[in-house]
Amino acid sequence: MSKAIVLDMDGTIASLYSVKGWLDYLIAEDATPYAVAEPYGDSKAINAALATLQSMGYVVEVVSWLSKGKPSKAFNAAVRKAKLDWLSNYYPCIDPSNVHVVAHGTNKWRVSNNKGGVLFDDEQDNIDNWNKHSNSGIGIQVTNSDTVLSTLYQIIDASPQSGLPACFASWKETKALAA
């Protein structure tokens, strides 16, 4: 398995489906739900855990879909911008060059630069495709708001802890606060 964390957004780290009227907005080609969605889970603790993993040599990547159907180029551009802005606000540790916002239904394994990593996604088909095509990676289905954080903690805890940077102490504090 490569040292990579690959995240979906909608329903995984972003509560898109909790935005009132989200589907009506998207049908009207209004990207507002992507901009105003609250984080799914504790974004500060997840960001701290991701930063800790990055300091341990992990790459953090996002592979997220555009809206379903045949959206206009202008709407696709607005969705990409909203998602990048949202990530910058809630997950500043994620390098924008590691963010791929692609057509709905695209196989995430084909897009990812880290095919042997751990994919977090709420869609079972994406998990199945990841596990089928990635001979060394693993897909984790996000079933509740604690899935990402608890799994990141497990990855950190399972990693050799000798020589961890100073931010590891702040991660332990964040972990204690989240418990």
Foldseek 3Di string as FASTA:
>chain_A
DAQEEEEEADPFFWPLVVPVPSVVCVVVLHLVSLQPTDTLADLVLLLLLVVLSVLVVYAYAYEYEDDDDDDDPVSSVVNLVSNVVNCCVRRVVHDPVRYHYYHPPPQVCVVHPCLQEEYEEQDPVNQVSSPVPRVRHHYDHDDGSCRSSVVSVVVVVPDDPPPRDPSVVVSVVSVVVSD
